[in-house]
Protein backbone atom coordinates (compact mmCIF):
# COMPACT_ATOMS: atom_id res chain seq x y z
CA MET A 1 18.92 6.23 -11.57
CA LYS A 2 19.96 8.21 -8.54
CA VAL A 3 17.95 7.75 -5.38
CA LYS A 4 18.20 9.68 -2.11
CA ALA A 5 17.45 7.33 0.76
CA LYS A 6 16.83 7.95 4.44
CA CYS A 7 17.48 5.12 6.86
CA PRO A 8 14.34 4.47 8.95
CA LYS A 9 16.48 3.29 11.87
CA CYS A 10 19.22 5.91 12.32
CA GLY A 11 17.99 8.72 10.02
CA HIS A 12 21.16 8.79 7.89
CA VAL A 13 20.51 10.33 4.45
CA PHE A 14 22.60 9.12 1.50
CA GLU A 15 22.44 8.79 -2.28
CA VAL A 16 22.72 5.53 -4.14
CA GLU A 17 22.70 4.62 -7.84
CA ILE A 18 20.49 1.66 -8.71
CA GLY A 19 18.64 0.31 -11.73
CA GLU A 20 15.03 1.34 -12.23
CA SER A 21 13.88 -2.29 -12.11
CA TRP A 22 15.54 -2.74 -8.69
CA TYR A 23 13.65 0.31 -7.41
CA ASN A 24 10.34 -0.96 -8.80
CA MET A 25 10.86 -4.44 -7.27
CA GLY A 26 11.48 -2.98 -3.82
CA PHE A 27 15.13 -4.06 -3.68
CA SER A 28 16.59 -3.82 -0.18
CA ILE A 29 19.73 -1.78 0.50
CA ALA A 30 21.82 -1.44 3.63
CA CYS A 31 22.50 1.86 5.37
CA PRO A 32 26.24 2.64 5.11
CA LYS A 33 26.19 4.12 8.62
CA CYS A 34 24.37 1.52 10.76
CA GLY A 35 23.99 -1.45 8.38
CA TYR A 36 20.18 -1.65 8.71
CA GLN A 37 18.54 -3.11 5.59
CA PHE A 38 15.36 -1.59 4.20
CA PRO A 39 13.41 -1.52 0.90
CA ILE A 40 14.63 1.39 -1.23
CA ASN A 41 11.24 2.17 -2.77
CA MET A 42 9.63 2.76 0.65
CA TYR A 43 12.35 5.05 2.05
CA GLY A 44 13.91 6.47 -1.11
CA GLN A 45 13.21 9.42 -3.37
CA ILE A 46 14.32 9.60 -7.01
CA VAL A 47 16.63 12.57 -7.51
CA GLY A 48 17.70 12.01 -11.12
CA GLU A 49 18.73 9.69 -13.87
CA VAL A 50 22.27 8.53 -14.35
CA LYS A 51 23.23 8.96 -17.98
CA PRO A 52 25.78 6.55 -19.46
CA GLN A 53 29.24 8.06 -19.85
CA LYS A 54 30.37 8.53 -23.45
CA GLN A 55 33.52 6.64 -24.28
CA LYS A 56 36.43 8.88 -25.26
CA LYS A 57 38.70 7.60 -28.01
């Protein structure tokens, strides 16, 4: 799933793709701008599901 996260330290907004179970467990991610780690489910917002790509033959 796609999650839009906002870093609570520097305010940087970015999108990340993670599994739904990681989101539900409160998995921590690091801000790509300042490196601060925070739980994605407290500072993230689900923006969509990532659908598996179909294999082309």
